[in-house]
C-alpha atoms as a PDB file:
ATOM      1  CA  UNK A   1     -18.135   7.800   4.262  1.00  0.00           C
ATOM      2  CA  UNK A   2     -16.157   5.568   6.278  1.00  0.00           C
ATOM      3  CA  UNK A   3     -13.939   6.785   8.918  1.00  0.00           C
ATOM      4  CA  UNK A   4     -10.020   6.455   8.219  1.00  0.00           C
ATOM      5  CA  UNK A   5      -9.058   3.864  11.122  1.00  0.00           C
ATOM      6  CA  UNK A   6     -11.012   1.168   9.185  1.00  0.00           C
ATOM      7  CA  UNK A   7      -8.178   1.924   6.156  1.00  0.00           C
ATOM      8  CA  UNK A   8      -5.464   0.899   8.277  1.00  0.00           C
ATOM      9  CA  UNK A   9      -4.670  -3.010   9.214  1.00  0.00           C
ATOM     10  CA  UNK A  10      -6.324  -4.582   6.301  1.00  0.00           C
ATOM     11  CA  UNK A  11      -4.398  -6.507   4.215  1.00  0.00           C
ATOM     12  CA  UNK A  12      -3.314  -5.573   0.368  1.00  0.00           C
ATOM     13  CA  UNK A  13      -3.164  -7.300  -2.437  1.00  0.00           C
ATOM     14  CA  UNK A  14      -2.213  -7.452  -5.379  1.00  0.00           C
ATOM     15  CA  UNK A  15      -4.400  -7.465  -8.796  1.00  0.00           C
ATOM     16  CA  UNK A  16      -2.740 -11.141  -9.386  1.00  0.00           C
ATOM     17  CA  UNK A  17      -3.818 -11.884  -5.628  1.00  0.00           C
ATOM     18  CA  UNK A  18       0.251 -11.483  -3.970  1.00  0.00           C
ATOM     19  CA  UNK A  19      -0.029 -10.760  -0.240  1.00  0.00           C
ATOM     20  CA  UNK A  20       1.553  -7.567  -0.849  1.00  0.00           C
ATOM     21  CA  UNK A  21       1.597  -6.914   3.505  1.00  0.00           C
ATOM     22  CA  UNK A  22      -0.871  -4.236   5.670  1.00  0.00           C
ATOM     23  CA  UNK A  23      -2.283  -0.244   4.369  1.00  0.00           C
ATOM     24  CA  UNK A  24      -0.325   1.294   8.083  1.00  0.00           C
ATOM     25  CA  UNK A  25      -1.213   4.688   7.467  1.00  0.00           C
ATOM     26  CA  UNK A  26      -2.845   7.710   4.774  1.00  0.00           C
ATOM     27  CA  UNK A  27      -1.369  11.129   3.131  1.00  0.00           C
ATOM     28  CA  UNK A  28      -4.102  13.171   3.576  1.00  0.00           C
ATOM     29  CA  UNK A  29      -4.331  16.336   1.175  1.00  0.00           C
ATOM     30  CA  UNK A  30      -5.907  19.380   3.386  1.00  0.00           C
ATOM     31  CA  UNK A  31      -6.868  21.483   0.244  1.00  0.00           C
ATOM     32  CA  UNK A  32      -9.464  18.883  -0.423  1.00  0.00           C
ATOM     33  CA  UNK A  33      -9.708  16.458   2.681  1.00  0.00           C
ATOM     34  CA  UNK A  34      -9.254  13.818  -0.168  1.00  0.00           C
ATOM     35  CA  UNK A  35      -6.250  10.906   0.600  1.00  0.00           C
ATOM     36  CA  UNK A  36      -3.540  10.917  -1.762  1.00  0.00           C
ATOM     37  CA  UNK A  37      -1.677   7.627  -0.974  1.00  0.00           C
ATOM     38  CA  UNK A  38      -1.682   4.710   1.372  1.00  0.00           C
ATOM     39  CA  UNK A  39       1.444   3.695   3.256  1.00  0.00           C
ATOM     40  CA  UNK A  40       1.234  -0.476   2.875  1.00  0.00           C
ATOM     41  CA  UNK A  41       4.052  -2.298   5.971  1.00  0.00           C
ATOM     42  CA  UNK A  42       5.631  -5.431   2.718  1.00  0.00           C
ATOM     43  CA  UNK A  43       5.318  -8.644   3.815  1.00  0.00           C
ATOM     44  CA  UNK A  44       8.634 -10.532   4.040  1.00  0.00           C
ATOM     45  CA  UNK A  45       8.069 -12.163   0.643  1.00  0.00           C
ATOM     46  CA  UNK A  46       7.040  -8.533  -1.002  1.00  0.00           C
ATOM     47  CA  UNK A  47      10.291  -7.331   0.280  1.00  0.00           C
ATOM     48  CA  UNK A  48      12.057  -9.405  -1.518  1.00  0.00           C
ATOM     49  CA  UNK A  49       9.941  -9.862  -4.994  1.00  0.00           C
ATOM     50  CA  UNK A  50      11.098  -5.546  -4.549  1.00  0.00           C
ATOM     51  CA  UNK A  51      14.680  -6.038  -3.671  1.00  0.00           C
ATOM     52  CA  UNK A  52      14.589  -4.187  -0.466  1.00  0.00           C
ATOM     53  CA  UNK A  53      16.517  -6.089   2.407  1.00  0.00           C
ATOM     54  CA  UNK A  54      14.338  -6.777   4.978  1.00  0.00           C
ATOM     55  CA  UNK A  55      15.622  -4.273   8.282  1.00  0.00           C
ATOM     56  CA  UNK A  56      16.682  -6.239  11.352  1.00  0.00           C
ATOM     57  CA  UNK A  57      13.823  -4.312  13.374  1.00  0.00           C
ATOM     58  CA  UNK A  58      10.243  -3.438  11.411  1.00  0.00           C
ATOM     59  CA  UNK A  59       9.276  -3.939   8.451  1.00  0.00           C
ATOM     60  CA  UNK A  60       9.992  -2.286   4.947  1.00  0.00           C
ATOM     61  CA  UNK A  61       7.031   0.606   4.511  1.00  0.00           C
ATOM     62  CA  UNK A  62       5.990   1.459   0.187  1.00  0.00           C
ATOM     63  CA  UNK A  63       3.974   4.998  -0.300  1.00  0.00           C
ATOM     64  CA  UNK A  64       0.406   4.029  -3.138  1.00  0.00           C
ATOM     65  CA  UNK A  65      -0.951   6.505  -4.456  1.00  0.00           C
ATOM     66  CA  UNK A  66      -4.626   5.839  -4.740  1.00  0.00           C
ATOM     67  CA  UNK A  67      -5.485   6.083  -8.374  1.00  0.00           C
ATOM     68  CA  UNK A  68      -3.489   1.719  -7.450  1.00  0.00           C
ATOM     69  CA  UNK A  69      -6.025   0.911  -5.156  1.00  0.00           C
ATOM     70  CA  UNK A  70      -9.165  -0.987  -6.884  1.00  0.00           C
ATOM     71  CA  UNK A  71     -11.333  -1.195  -3.603  1.00  0.00           C
ATOM     72  CA  UNK A  72     -10.992  -1.747   0.187  1.00  0.00           C
ATOM     73  CA  UNK A  73     -13.828  -3.952   1.974  1.00  0.00           C
ATOM     74  CA  UNK A  74     -12.477  -6.543   3.900  1.00  0.00           C
ATOM     75  CA  UNK A  75      -9.014  -6.234   2.014  1.00  0.00           C
ATOM     76  CA  UNK A  76      -7.289  -3.474  -0.247  1.00  0.00           C
ATOM     77  CA  UNK A  77      -7.520  -4.730  -3.473  1.00  0.00           C
ATOM     78  CA  UNK A  78      -4.991  -2.899  -6.011  1.00  0.00           C
ATOM     79  CA  UNK A  79      -5.368  -2.511 -10.054  1.00  0.00           C
ATOM     80  CA  UNK A  80      -1.616  -3.532 -10.643  1.00  0.00           C
ATOM     81  CA  UNK A  81      -0.271  -6.471 -10.452  1.00  0.00           C
ATOM     82  CA  UNK A  82       3.156  -6.912  -8.480  1.00  0.00           C
ATOM     83  CA  UNK A  83       5.352  -6.541 -11.734  1.00  0.00           C
ATOM     84  CA  UNK A  84       3.641  -3.417 -12.455  1.00  0.00           C
ATOM     85  CA  UNK A  85       4.386  -2.250  -9.240  1.00  0.00           C
ATOM     86  CA  UNK A  86       7.643  -2.240  -9.265  1.00  0.00           C
ATOM     87  CA  UNK A  87       7.996   0.296 -11.692  1.00  0.00           C
ATOM     88  CA  UNK A  88       5.411   2.312 -10.190  1.00  0.00           C
ATOM     89  CA  UNK A  89       7.114   5.766  -8.991  1.00  0.00           C
ATOM     90  CA  UNK A  90       7.369   6.640  -5.151  1.00  0.00           C
ATOM     91  CA  UNK A  91       5.409   9.107  -3.353  1.00  0.00           C
ATOM     92  CA  UNK A  92       7.406  12.266  -3.034  1.00  0.00           C
ATOM     93  CA  UNK A  93       6.904  14.349   0.657  1.00  0.00           C
END
């Protein structure tokens, strides 16, 4: 078992070893007490790769379902490449 705050600020890398950004927070399903998605603050390079305009202050944040995560240790490794992540649907509020 891992304390949830230990997930935050870990670097996230795609399956093709592209640095996506840092894990910022997580979404928890209160009925099952399971994490359903991770919110990742994108690097400037990742923002450009996805076609997002970088805000003047702050970062672009994306929501990734936990099904896109391969493992989390020192870093969060995703099981999808940058190209595959482009077709991933956004998380819903």
